[in-house]
């Protein structure tokens, strides 16, 4: 039983380490100055500047926040899918170890 726990712990920690490395630089909170036709805008790096009614302006705050939340929801869905895969792999490992232990008896 200790062997099963050790294998599962190593397996889970390996997956978590991989997920942490892949997402370490995804979300930066940096502002930049974007210049368009002589106009300077200090905005977040990923905020687009649009021309609305003949005037250049940053994307509206509501639109920007909605886009950010959309990305967060996508990431949550990816993580949920990863968790499902990990659970399936754990179940497979448990089944294999149980069948191995019963064959040894």
Protein backbone atom coordinates (compact mmCIF):
# COMPACT_ATOMS: atom_id res chain seq x y z
CA UNK A 1 0.00 0.00 0.00
CA UNK A 2 2.91 2.36 0.74
CA UNK A 3 4.30 1.63 -2.72
CA UNK A 4 0.99 2.61 -4.34
CA UNK A 5 0.88 5.86 -2.35
CA UNK A 6 4.46 6.67 -3.28
CA UNK A 7 3.88 6.03 -6.99
CA UNK A 8 0.71 8.15 -6.99
CA UNK A 9 2.47 10.97 -5.15
CA UNK A 10 5.35 11.02 -7.64
CA UNK A 11 2.91 10.89 -10.55
CA UNK A 12 0.77 13.77 -9.25
CA UNK A 13 3.75 15.96 -8.34
CA UNK A 14 5.22 15.43 -11.79
CA UNK A 15 2.03 16.60 -13.46
CA UNK A 16 1.70 19.61 -11.16
CA UNK A 17 5.30 20.64 -11.81
CA UNK A 18 4.72 20.44 -15.55
CA UNK A 19 1.57 22.55 -15.32
CA UNK A 20 3.34 25.17 -13.19
CA UNK A 21 6.23 25.50 -15.64
CA UNK A 22 3.95 25.85 -18.66
CA UNK A 23 1.95 28.72 -17.14
CA UNK A 24 4.57 30.67 -15.22
CA UNK A 25 4.69 33.68 -17.58
CA UNK A 26 1.16 33.71 -18.95
CA UNK A 27 -0.29 36.61 -16.97
CA UNK A 28 1.73 39.79 -16.82
CA UNK A 29 0.34 42.98 -15.40
CA UNK A 30 2.41 45.47 -17.38
CA UNK A 31 1.42 48.73 -18.95
CA UNK A 32 2.98 50.20 -22.05
CA UNK A 33 2.66 53.41 -23.98
CA UNK A 34 1.09 52.82 -27.38
CA UNK A 35 1.37 55.60 -29.95
CA UNK A 36 -1.07 55.93 -32.82
CA UNK A 37 -1.05 58.97 -35.10
CA UNK A 38 0.64 61.13 -32.48
CA UNK A 39 -1.63 60.04 -29.65
CA UNK A 40 -0.08 58.23 -26.68
CA UNK A 41 -2.06 55.76 -24.60
CA UNK A 42 -0.75 54.19 -21.39
CA UNK A 43 -2.62 50.90 -21.39
CA UNK A 44 -2.11 47.26 -20.46
CA UNK A 45 0.17 45.50 -22.92
CA UNK A 46 -2.62 43.42 -24.44
CA UNK A 47 -5.29 46.14 -24.66
CA UNK A 48 -6.04 47.09 -28.26
CA UNK A 49 -6.52 50.67 -29.42
CA UNK A 50 -9.61 51.07 -31.61
CA UNK A 51 -10.94 53.82 -33.80
CA UNK A 52 -14.53 54.50 -32.72
CA UNK A 53 -16.60 57.28 -34.29
CA UNK A 54 -13.45 58.69 -35.85
CA UNK A 55 -11.57 58.84 -32.53
CA UNK A 56 -8.76 56.54 -31.41
CA UNK A 57 -9.34 55.13 -27.95
CA UNK A 58 -8.45 52.08 -25.88
CA UNK A 59 -10.88 49.20 -25.78
CA UNK A 60 -13.62 49.87 -23.22
CA UNK A 61 -12.99 48.61 -19.72
CA UNK A 62 -16.05 46.34 -19.78
CA UNK A 63 -14.92 44.74 -23.06
CA UNK A 64 -11.37 44.35 -21.79
CA UNK A 65 -12.39 42.75 -18.50
CA UNK A 66 -14.85 40.45 -20.33
CA UNK A 67 -12.05 39.33 -22.66
CA UNK A 68 -9.77 38.67 -19.68
CA UNK A 69 -12.43 36.63 -17.89
CA UNK A 70 -13.05 34.69 -21.09
CA UNK A 71 -9.37 33.67 -21.07
CA UNK A 72 -9.62 32.70 -17.40
CA UNK A 73 -12.67 30.53 -18.10
CA UNK A 74 -10.81 28.84 -20.97
CA UNK A 75 -7.88 28.13 -18.65
CA UNK A 76 -10.23 26.70 -15.99
CA UNK A 77 -11.73 24.37 -18.61
CA UNK A 78 -8.22 23.25 -19.64
CA UNK A 79 -7.33 22.57 -16.01
CA UNK A 80 -10.55 20.63 -15.45
CA UNK A 81 -9.72 18.49 -18.48
CA UNK A 82 -6.20 17.91 -17.15
CA UNK A 83 -7.63 16.87 -13.78
CA UNK A 84 -9.96 14.39 -15.50
CA UNK A 85 -7.02 12.88 -17.39
CA UNK A 86 -4.96 12.63 -14.21
CA UNK A 87 -7.85 10.96 -12.37
CA UNK A 88 -8.21 8.44 -15.20
CA UNK A 89 -4.48 7.71 -15.14
CA UNK A 90 -4.57 7.26 -11.36
CA UNK A 91 -7.49 4.85 -11.71
CA UNK A 92 -5.55 2.89 -14.33
CA UNK A 93 -2.48 2.74 -12.09
CA UNK A 94 -4.57 1.60 -9.11
CA UNK A 95 -6.22 -1.09 -11.21
CA UNK A 96 -2.88 -2.30 -12.54
CA UNK A 97 -1.35 -2.39 -9.07
CA UNK A 98 -4.35 -4.19 -7.61
CA UNK A 99 -4.29 -6.83 -10.34
CA UNK A 100 -0.54 -7.19 -9.84
CA UNK A 101 -0.94 -7.64 -6.08
CA UNK A 102 -3.72 -10.23 -6.50
CA UNK A 103 -1.63 -12.19 -8.99
CA UNK A 104 1.25 -12.30 -6.47
CA UNK A 105 -0.98 -13.78 -3.78
